[in-house]
Amino acid sequence: MSRPKKLEHPLFKLLMDEDVDNFNQQKADIFTVLKPLDFQSADLRGLNLRGLDATGIDFRNAYFRHSDLRGIDFRDSLLEGATINGAKISGCYFANNLRAEEILMSLTTGTRMRCNSKQA
């Protein structure tokens, strides 16, 4: 099992500083559809990430414990194995292959979210 880690990526450092607007601007400059931004196992606990453009980000096994994720659209992100224990998630969009029960269990008990192999 992977442990949360602080990444050595300039965009990750912007998130750690909760500079979401600057993150979104710089991400737009370097984003490519062919290669997602690799934030696997990222330690994003306790951060205010409201307004984050999560499109094309690989958040597999990431930790969002007690983060403010309100309004983020995760439909085009990878969330397999991520945990959102105690996070604020009102207004979030999640992928169709992520069942509501998985989201609820992760939110309330900290389990890692499992995505269905087929979209619902």
N, C-alpha and C. Protein backbone atom coordinates (compact mmCIF):
# COMPACT_ATOMS: atom_id res chain seq x y z
N MET A 1 0.83 -1.17 0.00
CA MET A 1 0.00 0.00 0.00
C MET A 1 0.89 1.25 0.00
N SER A 2 0.53 2.19 -0.83
CA SER A 2 1.33 3.40 -0.92
C SER A 2 1.03 4.34 0.24
N ARG A 3 2.00 5.09 0.64
CA ARG A 3 1.86 6.07 1.71
C ARG A 3 1.79 7.45 1.08
N PRO A 4 1.10 8.39 1.74
CA PRO A 4 1.04 9.74 1.18
C PRO A 4 2.42 10.36 1.13
N LYS A 5 2.64 11.13 0.08
CA LYS A 5 3.95 11.75 -0.05
C LYS A 5 3.84 13.16 -0.61
N LYS A 6 4.80 13.96 -0.24
CA LYS A 6 4.93 15.29 -0.80
C LYS A 6 5.72 15.14 -2.09
N LEU A 7 5.18 15.63 -3.17
CA LEU A 7 5.79 15.44 -4.48
C LEU A 7 6.77 16.57 -4.80
N GLU A 8 7.78 16.23 -5.56
CA GLU A 8 8.76 17.22 -6.03
C GLU A 8 8.34 17.71 -7.42
N HIS A 9 7.24 18.43 -7.46
CA HIS A 9 6.71 18.95 -8.71
C HIS A 9 6.31 20.40 -8.46
N PRO A 10 6.69 21.31 -9.34
CA PRO A 10 6.37 22.73 -9.10
C PRO A 10 4.86 22.98 -8.96
N LEU A 11 4.03 22.26 -9.70
CA LEU A 11 2.59 22.45 -9.57
C LEU A 11 2.07 21.92 -8.24
N PHE A 12 2.67 20.85 -7.74
CA PHE A 12 2.28 20.32 -6.43
C PHE A 12 2.58 21.36 -5.35
N LYS A 13 3.70 22.02 -5.46
CA LYS A 13 4.07 23.03 -4.47
C LYS A 13 3.04 24.17 -4.46
N LEU A 14 2.48 24.50 -5.61
CA LEU A 14 1.43 25.53 -5.66
C LEU A 14 0.20 25.06 -4.89
N LEU A 15 -0.15 23.80 -5.03
CA LEU A 15 -1.29 23.28 -4.28
C LEU A 15 -1.02 23.29 -2.78
N MET A 16 0.19 22.95 -2.40
CA MET A 16 0.54 22.96 -0.97
C MET A 16 0.42 24.37 -0.39
N ASP A 17 0.63 25.37 -1.23
CA ASP A 17 0.48 26.76 -0.80
C ASP A 17 -0.97 27.24 -0.99
N GLU A 18 -1.85 26.35 -1.44
CA GLU A 18 -3.26 26.63 -1.72
C GLU A 18 -3.42 27.75 -2.75
N ASP A 19 -2.47 27.83 -3.68
CA ASP A 19 -2.51 28.82 -4.75
C ASP A 19 -3.17 28.17 -5.98
N VAL A 20 -4.46 27.92 -5.86
CA VAL A 20 -5.21 27.17 -6.88
C VAL A 20 -5.29 27.94 -8.19
N ASP A 21 -5.50 29.23 -8.13
CA ASP A 21 -5.60 30.01 -9.37
C ASP A 21 -4.31 29.93 -10.19
N ASN A 22 -3.18 30.08 -9.54
CA ASN A 22 -1.89 29.99 -10.23
C ASN A 22 -1.66 28.56 -10.73
N PHE A 23 -2.05 27.58 -9.93
CA PHE A 23 -1.95 26.18 -10.35
C PHE A 23 -2.72 25.97 -11.65
N ASN A 24 -3.98 26.41 -11.68
CA ASN A 24 -4.82 26.22 -12.87
C ASN A 24 -4.21 26.90 -14.09
N GLN A 25 -3.68 28.08 -13.90
CA GLN A 25 -3.08 28.82 -15.02
C GLN A 25 -1.85 28.08 -15.56
N GLN A 26 -0.97 27.67 -14.67
CA GLN A 26 0.24 26.98 -15.11
C GLN A 26 -0.07 25.59 -15.68
N LYS A 27 -1.05 24.91 -15.10
CA LYS A 27 -1.45 23.59 -15.61
C LYS A 27 -1.98 23.72 -17.04
N ALA A 28 -2.75 24.75 -17.29
CA ALA A 28 -3.30 24.96 -18.64
C ALA A 28 -2.20 25.16 -19.67
N ASP A 29 -1.08 25.74 -19.25
CA ASP A 29 0.03 25.97 -20.16
C ASP A 29 0.78 24.69 -20.52
N ILE A 30 0.80 23.70 -19.61
CA ILE A 30 1.59 22.48 -19.86
C ILE A 30 0.75 21.23 -20.08
N PHE A 31 -0.56 21.31 -19.85
CA PHE A 31 -1.41 20.13 -19.92
C PHE A 31 -1.47 19.54 -21.33
N THR A 32 -1.33 18.22 -21.40
CA THR A 32 -1.56 17.51 -22.65
C THR A 32 -2.52 16.36 -22.38
N VAL A 33 -3.38 16.09 -23.32
CA VAL A 33 -4.37 15.03 -23.16
C VAL A 33 -3.69 13.66 -23.11
N LEU A 34 -2.56 13.51 -23.78
CA LEU A 34 -1.91 12.22 -23.87
C LEU A 34 -1.22 11.79 -22.58
N LYS A 35 -0.81 12.75 -21.77
CA LYS A 35 -0.08 12.41 -20.55
C LYS A 35 -0.70 13.13 -19.36
N PRO A 36 -1.41 12.37 -18.50
CA PRO A 36 -2.01 13.04 -17.34
C PRO A 36 -0.94 13.54 -16.37
N LEU A 37 -1.29 14.54 -15.61
CA LEU A 37 -0.42 15.07 -14.58
C LEU A 37 -0.36 14.05 -13.45
N ASP A 38 0.83 13.56 -13.13
CA ASP A 38 0.99 12.45 -12.19
C ASP A 38 1.09 12.94 -10.75
N PHE A 39 -0.04 12.86 -10.04
CA PHE A 39 -0.08 13.18 -8.62
C PHE A 39 -0.45 11.93 -7.82
N GLN A 40 0.01 10.78 -8.27
CA GLN A 40 -0.28 9.53 -7.56
C GLN A 40 0.30 9.57 -6.16
N SER A 41 -0.50 9.12 -5.20
CA SER A 41 -0.12 9.05 -3.78
C SER A 41 0.19 10.41 -3.17
N ALA A 42 -0.28 11.46 -3.79
CA ALA A 42 0.00 12.81 -3.28
C ALA A 42 -0.67 13.03 -1.93
N ASP A 43 0.04 13.69 -1.05
CA ASP A 43 -0.48 14.04 0.26
C ASP A 43 -1.10 15.43 0.17
N LEU A 44 -2.42 15.47 0.02
CA LEU A 44 -3.16 16.72 -0.13
C LEU A 44 -4.09 16.93 1.06
N ARG A 45 -3.71 16.41 2.19
CA ARG A 45 -4.56 16.46 3.38
C ARG A 45 -4.67 17.88 3.92
N GLY A 46 -5.94 18.24 4.26
CA GLY A 46 -6.21 19.49 4.95
C GLY A 46 -6.11 20.75 4.11
N LEU A 47 -6.04 20.61 2.80
CA LEU A 47 -5.87 21.79 1.93
C LEU A 47 -7.20 22.32 1.43
N ASN A 48 -7.25 23.61 1.17
CA ASN A 48 -8.39 24.23 0.50
C ASN A 48 -8.10 24.20 -0.99
N LEU A 49 -8.78 23.31 -1.71
CA LEU A 49 -8.53 23.14 -3.14
C LEU A 49 -9.73 23.61 -3.98
N ARG A 50 -10.62 24.40 -3.39
CA ARG A 50 -11.78 24.88 -4.13
C ARG A 50 -11.33 25.63 -5.38
N GLY A 51 -12.02 25.35 -6.49
CA GLY A 51 -11.69 25.99 -7.75
C GLY A 51 -10.67 25.24 -8.57
N LEU A 52 -10.18 24.11 -8.06
CA LEU A 52 -9.16 23.33 -8.76
C LEU A 52 -9.69 22.77 -10.08
N ASP A 53 -8.92 22.92 -11.14
CA ASP A 53 -9.22 22.26 -12.41
C ASP A 53 -8.54 20.89 -12.36
N ALA A 54 -9.33 19.86 -12.06
CA ALA A 54 -8.79 18.51 -11.87
C ALA A 54 -8.74 17.69 -13.16
N THR A 55 -9.10 18.28 -14.27
CA THR A 55 -9.10 17.56 -15.54
C THR A 55 -7.72 17.02 -15.88
N GLY A 56 -7.66 15.72 -16.16
CA GLY A 56 -6.42 15.10 -16.60
C GLY A 56 -5.39 14.87 -15.51
N ILE A 57 -5.79 14.90 -14.24
CA ILE A 57 -4.83 14.68 -13.17
C ILE A 57 -5.01 13.26 -12.63
N ASP A 58 -3.90 12.57 -12.47
CA ASP A 58 -3.89 11.21 -11.93
C ASP A 58 -3.75 11.31 -10.41
N PHE A 59 -4.88 11.18 -9.71
CA PHE A 59 -4.91 11.24 -8.25
C PHE A 59 -5.01 9.84 -7.63
N ARG A 60 -4.61 8.81 -8.36
CA ARG A 60 -4.72 7.47 -7.79
C ARG A 60 -3.92 7.39 -6.49
N ASN A 61 -4.56 6.81 -5.47
CA ASN A 61 -3.98 6.62 -4.14
C ASN A 61 -3.65 7.92 -3.41
N ALA A 62 -4.21 9.03 -3.85
CA ALA A 62 -3.97 10.32 -3.18
C ALA A 62 -4.78 10.42 -1.89
N TYR A 63 -4.30 11.26 -1.00
CA TYR A 63 -4.95 11.49 0.29
C TYR A 63 -5.52 12.90 0.32
N PHE A 64 -6.85 13.00 0.44
CA PHE A 64 -7.55 14.28 0.52
C PHE A 64 -8.20 14.48 1.89
N ARG A 65 -7.72 13.79 2.91
CA ARG A 65 -8.33 13.83 4.24
C ARG A 65 -8.50 15.28 4.72
N HIS A 66 -9.75 15.61 5.10
CA HIS A 66 -10.13 16.92 5.65
C HIS A 66 -9.82 18.08 4.71
N SER A 67 -9.73 17.83 3.41
CA SER A 67 -9.53 18.90 2.43
C SER A 67 -10.87 19.50 2.03
N ASP A 68 -10.84 20.71 1.54
CA ASP A 68 -12.03 21.37 1.02
C ASP A 68 -12.03 21.18 -0.49
N LEU A 69 -12.88 20.27 -0.95
CA LEU A 69 -12.94 19.92 -2.37
C LEU A 69 -14.23 20.43 -3.02
N ARG A 70 -14.96 21.26 -2.34
CA ARG A 70 -16.28 21.67 -2.82
C ARG A 70 -16.23 22.22 -4.24
N GLY A 71 -17.13 21.69 -5.07
CA GLY A 71 -17.31 22.17 -6.43
C GLY A 71 -16.32 21.64 -7.45
N ILE A 72 -15.39 20.78 -7.06
CA ILE A 72 -14.40 20.28 -8.01
C ILE A 72 -15.02 19.21 -8.91
N ASP A 73 -14.71 19.26 -10.18
CA ASP A 73 -15.17 18.27 -11.16
C ASP A 73 -14.07 17.23 -11.36
N PHE A 74 -14.28 16.05 -10.77
CA PHE A 74 -13.32 14.95 -10.87
C PHE A 74 -13.67 13.97 -11.99
N ARG A 75 -14.62 14.30 -12.86
CA ARG A 75 -15.06 13.33 -13.87
C ARG A 75 -13.95 12.92 -14.83
N ASP A 76 -13.00 13.78 -15.08
CA ASP A 76 -11.91 13.46 -15.99
C ASP A 76 -10.59 13.30 -15.25
N SER A 77 -10.68 12.84 -14.00
CA SER A 77 -9.50 12.56 -13.18
C SER A 77 -9.48 11.08 -12.84
N LEU A 78 -8.32 10.58 -12.46
CA LEU A 78 -8.21 9.21 -11.99
C LEU A 78 -8.20 9.23 -10.47
N LEU A 79 -9.17 8.54 -9.84
CA LEU A 79 -9.30 8.55 -8.38
C LEU A 79 -9.22 7.17 -7.75
N GLU A 80 -8.88 6.16 -8.52
CA GLU A 80 -8.79 4.80 -7.98
C GLU A 80 -7.84 4.77 -6.78
N GLY A 81 -8.34 4.31 -5.64
CA GLY A 81 -7.51 4.17 -4.45
C GLY A 81 -7.35 5.44 -3.63
N ALA A 82 -7.93 6.56 -4.08
CA ALA A 82 -7.84 7.80 -3.32
C ALA A 82 -8.76 7.73 -2.10
N THR A 83 -8.49 8.54 -1.10
CA THR A 83 -9.33 8.61 0.08
C THR A 83 -9.69 10.05 0.38
N ILE A 84 -10.96 10.26 0.77
CA ILE A 84 -11.48 11.61 1.01
C ILE A 84 -12.04 11.74 2.43
N ASN A 85 -11.53 11.00 3.38
CA ASN A 85 -12.05 10.99 4.74
C ASN A 85 -12.19 12.40 5.31
N GLY A 86 -13.43 12.73 5.71
CA GLY A 86 -13.69 14.01 6.35
C GLY A 86 -13.61 15.22 5.45
N ALA A 87 -13.48 15.02 4.15
CA ALA A 87 -13.36 16.15 3.22
C ALA A 87 -14.73 16.81 2.99
N LYS A 88 -14.69 18.05 2.57
CA LYS A 88 -15.90 18.76 2.17
C LYS A 88 -16.08 18.52 0.68
N ILE A 89 -17.17 17.85 0.30
CA ILE A 89 -17.34 17.46 -1.11
C ILE A 89 -18.63 17.96 -1.75
N SER A 90 -19.34 18.87 -1.10
CA SER A 90 -20.60 19.31 -1.71
C SER A 90 -20.32 19.96 -3.07
N GLY A 91 -21.15 19.63 -4.03
CA GLY A 91 -21.01 20.18 -5.37
C GLY A 91 -19.97 19.51 -6.24
N CYS A 92 -19.31 18.48 -5.73
CA CYS A 92 -18.30 17.76 -6.54
C CYS A 92 -18.98 16.87 -7.57
N TYR A 93 -18.33 16.72 -8.69
CA TYR A 93 -18.70 15.71 -9.66
C TYR A 93 -17.67 14.59 -9.57
N PHE A 94 -18.16 13.35 -9.57
CA PHE A 94 -17.28 12.19 -9.58
C PHE A 94 -17.58 11.38 -10.83
N ALA A 95 -16.63 10.56 -11.26
CA ALA A 95 -16.79 9.74 -12.47
C ALA A 95 -17.96 8.78 -12.32
N ASN A 96 -18.59 8.44 -13.43
CA ASN A 96 -19.71 7.51 -13.43
C ASN A 96 -19.32 6.12 -12.95
N ASN A 97 -18.05 5.75 -13.08
CA ASN A 97 -17.64 4.41 -12.66
C ASN A 97 -17.27 4.34 -11.18
N LEU A 98 -17.54 5.41 -10.44
CA LEU A 98 -17.31 5.45 -9.01
C LEU A 98 -18.67 5.48 -8.32
N ARG A 99 -19.01 4.39 -7.65
CA ARG A 99 -20.33 4.25 -7.03
C ARG A 99 -20.46 5.17 -5.81
N ALA A 100 -21.68 5.60 -5.56
CA ALA A 100 -21.96 6.47 -4.41
C ALA A 100 -21.54 5.82 -3.11
N GLU A 101 -21.69 4.51 -2.99
CA GLU A 101 -21.30 3.79 -1.78
C GLU A 101 -19.80 3.89 -1.53
N GLU A 102 -19.02 3.86 -2.59
CA GLU A 102 -17.56 3.99 -2.46
C GLU A 102 -17.20 5.39 -1.95
N ILE A 103 -17.87 6.39 -2.49
CA ILE A 103 -17.61 7.77 -2.07
C ILE A 103 -17.99 7.94 -0.60
N LEU A 104 -19.15 7.45 -0.22
CA LEU A 104 -19.62 7.57 1.15
C LEU A 104 -18.71 6.84 2.14
N MET A 105 -18.29 5.63 1.81
CA MET A 105 -17.39 4.88 2.70
C MET A 105 -16.05 5.60 2.85
N SER A 106 -15.54 6.15 1.78
CA SER A 106 -14.28 6.87 1.86
C SER A 106 -14.44 8.14 2.70
N LEU A 107 -15.55 8.82 2.49
CA LEU A 107 -15.81 10.07 3.22
C LEU A 107 -15.95 9.83 4.72
N THR A 108 -16.65 8.77 5.10
CA THR A 108 -16.96 8.56 6.51
C THR A 108 -15.94 7.70 7.25
N THR A 109 -15.30 6.76 6.56
CA THR A 109 -14.39 5.86 7.26
C THR A 109 -12.96 5.88 6.72
N GLY A 110 -12.74 6.58 5.63
CA GLY A 110 -11.38 6.69 5.10
C GLY A 110 -10.94 5.57 4.20
N THR A 111 -11.88 4.71 3.76
CA THR A 111 -11.48 3.64 2.85
C THR A 111 -11.06 4.23 1.52
N ARG A 112 -10.29 3.45 0.79
CA ARG A 112 -9.86 3.88 -0.54
C ARG A 112 -10.97 3.58 -1.54
N MET A 113 -11.20 4.51 -2.44
CA MET A 113 -12.28 4.36 -3.41
C MET A 113 -11.88 3.38 -4.51
N ARG A 114 -12.81 2.48 -4.82
CA ARG A 114 -12.61 1.51 -5.90
C ARG A 114 -13.55 1.86 -7.04
N CYS A 115 -13.00 1.95 -8.22
CA CYS A 115 -13.79 2.27 -9.40
C CYS A 115 -14.22 0.99 -10.08
N ASN A 116 -15.45 0.99 -10.61
CA ASN A 116 -15.93 -0.13 -11.40
C ASN A 116 -15.17 -0.18 -12.71
N SER A 117 -14.94 -1.38 -13.21
CA SER A 117 -14.24 -1.49 -14.48
C SER A 117 -15.10 -1.03 -15.65
N LYS A 118 -16.43 -1.18 -15.52
CA LYS A 118 -17.34 -0.70 -16.55
C LYS A 118 -18.05 0.52 -16.04
N GLN A 119 -18.26 1.50 -16.92
CA GLN A 119 -18.99 2.71 -16.51
C GLN A 119 -20.46 2.38 -16.37
N ALA A 120 -21.08 2.97 -15.36
CA ALA A 120 -22.50 2.73 -15.09
C ALA A 120 -23.36 3.53 -16.05
